[in-house]
Amino acid sequence: MYFYARIQVGMSVIYVLLTISIIVAIIFFTAFIYSVKNGQYDDSYTPSVRMLFEDELVTDTPKVVKTNENKSIQLNKE
């Protein structure tokens, strides 16, 4: 009889914890939807300056390599 009563208490705790976790999840989801609708995640600054921070341009100048015999060899990009 004691074991059966203990199982009933354990199951009721699971139901309480499940209910609380669903309520907390709904609160966080509601806060997320509210912040998205109010423009919290809209980024209007970065796209305007993104072109200023691009990688360096690659130049098409040929690379010159010196050999042991004091000759220089020009390597072209293909």
N, C-alpha and C. Protein backbone atom coordinates (compact mmCIF):
# COMPACT_ATOMS: atom_id res chain seq x y z
N MET A 1 0.82 -1.18 0.00
CA MET A 1 0.00 0.00 0.00
C MET A 1 0.87 1.26 0.00
N TYR A 2 1.96 1.25 0.76
CA TYR A 2 2.86 2.39 0.81
C TYR A 2 3.50 2.61 -0.56
N PHE A 3 3.91 1.55 -1.24
CA PHE A 3 4.53 1.65 -2.55
C PHE A 3 3.56 2.26 -3.57
N TYR A 4 2.30 1.86 -3.53
CA TYR A 4 1.29 2.38 -4.45
C TYR A 4 1.06 3.88 -4.21
N ALA A 5 1.03 4.29 -2.96
CA ALA A 5 0.84 5.70 -2.63
C ALA A 5 2.05 6.51 -3.10
N ARG A 6 3.23 5.94 -2.98
CA ARG A 6 4.45 6.62 -3.41
C ARG A 6 4.46 6.80 -4.93
N ILE A 7 3.98 5.82 -5.68
CA ILE A 7 3.91 5.94 -7.13
C ILE A 7 2.92 7.04 -7.52
N GLN A 8 1.81 7.14 -6.84
CA GLN A 8 0.82 8.16 -7.14
C GLN A 8 1.39 9.57 -6.93
N VAL A 9 2.16 9.75 -5.87
CA VAL A 9 2.79 11.04 -5.60
C VAL A 9 3.81 11.34 -6.69
N GLY A 10 4.58 10.36 -7.10
CA GLY A 10 5.58 10.54 -8.15
C GLY A 10 4.94 10.93 -9.47
N MET A 11 3.84 10.31 -9.81
CA MET A 11 3.16 10.63 -11.06
C MET A 11 2.55 12.03 -11.01
N SER A 12 2.04 12.45 -9.88
CA SER A 12 1.45 13.79 -9.79
C SER A 12 2.53 14.85 -9.92
N VAL A 13 3.73 14.58 -9.43
CA VAL A 13 4.83 15.52 -9.58
C VAL A 13 5.20 15.65 -11.06
N ILE A 14 5.18 14.55 -11.80
CA ILE A 14 5.48 14.60 -13.23
C ILE A 14 4.44 15.45 -13.95
N TYR A 15 3.18 15.30 -13.59
CA TYR A 15 2.13 16.11 -14.23
C TYR A 15 2.31 17.59 -13.92
N VAL A 16 2.69 17.89 -12.69
CA VAL A 16 2.91 19.29 -12.31
C VAL A 16 4.10 19.86 -13.07
N LEU A 17 5.19 19.12 -13.13
CA LEU A 17 6.38 19.59 -13.84
C LEU A 17 6.11 19.74 -15.34
N LEU A 18 5.37 18.83 -15.91
CA LEU A 18 5.01 18.92 -17.32
C LEU A 18 4.16 20.16 -17.59
N THR A 19 3.21 20.41 -16.72
CA THR A 19 2.36 21.60 -16.88
C THR A 19 3.18 22.88 -16.76
N ILE A 20 4.06 22.94 -15.79
CA ILE A 20 4.90 24.13 -15.60
C ILE A 20 5.82 24.33 -16.80
N SER A 21 6.41 23.26 -17.33
CA SER A 21 7.32 23.39 -18.47
C SER A 21 6.57 23.85 -19.72
N ILE A 22 5.35 23.39 -19.91
CA ILE A 22 4.56 23.84 -21.06
C ILE A 22 4.20 25.32 -20.91
N ILE A 23 3.86 25.75 -19.71
CA ILE A 23 3.56 27.17 -19.47
C ILE A 23 4.78 28.03 -19.74
N VAL A 24 5.94 27.61 -19.27
CA VAL A 24 7.18 28.38 -19.49
C VAL A 24 7.50 28.42 -20.98
N ALA A 25 7.31 27.31 -21.69
CA ALA A 25 7.57 27.29 -23.14
C ALA A 25 6.63 28.24 -23.87
N ILE A 26 5.38 28.29 -23.47
CA ILE A 26 4.42 29.20 -24.10
C ILE A 26 4.80 30.65 -23.83
N ILE A 27 5.27 30.94 -22.63
CA ILE A 27 5.70 32.31 -22.30
C ILE A 27 6.89 32.72 -23.16
N PHE A 28 7.89 31.83 -23.29
CA PHE A 28 9.06 32.16 -24.11
C PHE A 28 8.68 32.29 -25.58
N PHE A 29 7.80 31.45 -26.08
CA PHE A 29 7.36 31.54 -27.47
C PHE A 29 6.61 32.84 -27.72
N THR A 30 5.76 33.23 -26.77
CA THR A 30 5.02 34.49 -26.90
C THR A 30 5.98 35.68 -26.88
N ALA A 31 6.98 35.64 -26.02
CA ALA A 31 7.96 36.73 -25.97
C ALA A 31 8.76 36.79 -27.28
N PHE A 32 9.07 35.65 -27.86
CA PHE A 32 9.80 35.62 -29.13
C PHE A 32 8.96 36.22 -30.25
N ILE A 33 7.71 35.82 -30.34
CA ILE A 33 6.82 36.35 -31.37
C ILE A 33 6.65 37.86 -31.19
N TYR A 34 6.49 38.32 -29.96
CA TYR A 34 6.35 39.74 -29.67
C TYR A 34 7.59 40.51 -30.13
N SER A 35 8.79 39.98 -29.84
CA SER A 35 10.02 40.68 -30.21
C SER A 35 10.22 40.69 -31.72
N VAL A 36 9.82 39.63 -32.41
CA VAL A 36 9.95 39.62 -33.87
C VAL A 36 8.99 40.63 -34.50
N LYS A 37 7.77 40.70 -33.99
CA LYS A 37 6.80 41.65 -34.55
C LYS A 37 7.18 43.10 -34.28
N ASN A 38 7.90 43.36 -33.20
CA ASN A 38 8.31 44.73 -32.88
C ASN A 38 9.66 45.10 -33.48
N GLY A 39 10.23 44.22 -34.31
CA GLY A 39 11.47 44.56 -35.02
C GLY A 39 12.73 44.39 -34.22
N GLN A 40 12.71 43.58 -33.20
CA GLN A 40 13.90 43.38 -32.38
C GLN A 40 15.05 42.78 -33.20
N TYR A 41 14.74 41.93 -34.16
CA TYR A 41 15.77 41.24 -34.92
C TYR A 41 16.01 41.88 -36.29
N ASP A 42 15.39 43.00 -36.58
CA ASP A 42 15.63 43.69 -37.83
C ASP A 42 16.96 44.42 -37.74
N ASP A 43 17.80 44.19 -38.71
CA ASP A 43 19.11 44.82 -38.74
C ASP A 43 19.17 45.74 -39.94
N SER A 44 19.02 47.01 -39.71
CA SER A 44 19.04 47.96 -40.82
C SER A 44 20.42 48.61 -40.99
N TYR A 45 21.31 48.40 -40.06
CA TYR A 45 22.62 49.05 -40.14
C TYR A 45 23.64 48.22 -40.91
N THR A 46 23.72 46.93 -40.64
CA THR A 46 24.76 46.10 -41.24
C THR A 46 24.69 46.05 -42.76
N PRO A 47 23.53 45.90 -43.40
CA PRO A 47 23.54 45.87 -44.86
C PRO A 47 24.08 47.16 -45.49
N SER A 48 23.92 48.28 -44.84
CA SER A 48 24.40 49.54 -45.42
C SER A 48 25.91 49.67 -45.36
N VAL A 49 26.57 49.02 -44.43
CA VAL A 49 28.02 49.12 -44.33
C VAL A 49 28.73 47.83 -44.71
N ARG A 50 28.00 46.83 -45.12
CA ARG A 50 28.62 45.56 -45.47
C ARG A 50 29.59 45.71 -46.63
N MET A 51 29.25 46.58 -47.59
CA MET A 51 30.13 46.75 -48.74
C MET A 51 31.46 47.41 -48.36
N LEU A 52 31.52 48.07 -47.22
CA LEU A 52 32.76 48.70 -46.79
C LEU A 52 33.73 47.70 -46.17
N PHE A 53 33.24 46.56 -45.75
CA PHE A 53 34.08 45.59 -45.04
C PHE A 53 34.28 44.30 -45.83
N GLU A 54 34.18 44.37 -47.14
CA GLU A 54 34.40 43.17 -47.94
C GLU A 54 35.87 42.81 -47.95
N ASP A 55 36.15 41.60 -48.41
CA ASP A 55 37.54 41.15 -48.50
C ASP A 55 38.30 42.00 -49.50
N GLU A 56 39.62 41.92 -49.41
CA GLU A 56 40.45 42.68 -50.32
C GLU A 56 40.29 42.14 -51.74
N LEU A 57 40.40 43.05 -52.70
CA LEU A 57 40.31 42.64 -54.09
C LEU A 57 41.59 41.93 -54.51
N VAL A 58 41.43 40.92 -55.33
CA VAL A 58 42.58 40.17 -55.84
C VAL A 58 43.03 40.85 -57.12
N THR A 59 44.30 41.20 -57.15
CA THR A 59 44.83 41.84 -58.35
C THR A 59 45.30 40.78 -59.33
N ASP A 60 45.34 41.12 -60.59
CA ASP A 60 45.75 40.17 -61.62
C ASP A 60 47.21 40.36 -62.00
N THR A 61 48.02 40.84 -61.10
CA THR A 61 49.44 41.02 -61.41
C THR A 61 50.13 39.66 -61.37
N PRO A 62 50.99 39.41 -62.31
CA PRO A 62 51.68 38.11 -62.34
C PRO A 62 52.67 37.99 -61.19
N LYS A 63 52.89 36.78 -60.76
CA LYS A 63 53.82 36.52 -59.68
C LYS A 63 55.18 36.20 -60.28
N VAL A 64 56.23 36.81 -59.76
CA VAL A 64 57.58 36.60 -60.27
C VAL A 64 58.35 35.78 -59.25
N VAL A 65 58.95 34.69 -59.72
CA VAL A 65 59.72 33.80 -58.85
C VAL A 65 61.16 33.80 -59.33
N LYS A 66 62.09 33.96 -58.40
CA LYS A 66 63.51 33.94 -58.76
C LYS A 66 64.05 32.55 -58.55
N THR A 67 64.87 32.12 -59.47
CA THR A 67 65.49 30.79 -59.39
C THR A 67 66.91 30.94 -58.87
N ASN A 68 67.59 29.82 -58.73
CA ASN A 68 68.96 29.82 -58.21
C ASN A 68 69.95 30.47 -59.17
N GLU A 69 69.63 30.51 -60.44
CA GLU A 69 70.55 31.02 -61.45
C GLU A 69 70.31 32.49 -61.76
N ASN A 70 69.70 33.23 -60.84
CA ASN A 70 69.39 34.65 -60.98
C ASN A 70 68.49 34.94 -62.18
N LYS A 71 67.68 33.99 -62.54
CA LYS A 71 66.69 34.20 -63.58
C LYS A 71 65.34 34.39 -62.91
N SER A 72 64.51 35.17 -63.49
CA SER A 72 63.17 35.34 -62.94
C SER A 72 62.16 34.72 -63.89
N ILE A 73 61.21 34.03 -63.30
CA ILE A 73 60.18 33.35 -64.06
C ILE A 73 58.85 34.02 -63.71
N GLN A 74 58.06 34.31 -64.73
CA GLN A 74 56.78 34.95 -64.52
C GLN A 74 55.69 33.88 -64.56
N LEU A 75 54.89 33.79 -63.47
CA LEU A 75 53.80 32.83 -63.39
C LEU A 75 52.51 33.58 -63.64
N ASN A 76 51.73 33.11 -64.58
CA ASN A 76 50.43 33.72 -64.88
C ASN A 76 49.33 32.90 -64.25
N LYS A 77 48.30 33.60 -63.82
CA LYS A 77 47.13 32.91 -63.29
C LYS A 77 46.30 32.38 -64.45
N GLU A 78 45.78 31.21 -64.28
CA GLU A 78 44.93 30.65 -65.33
C GLU A 78 43.61 30.26 -64.77
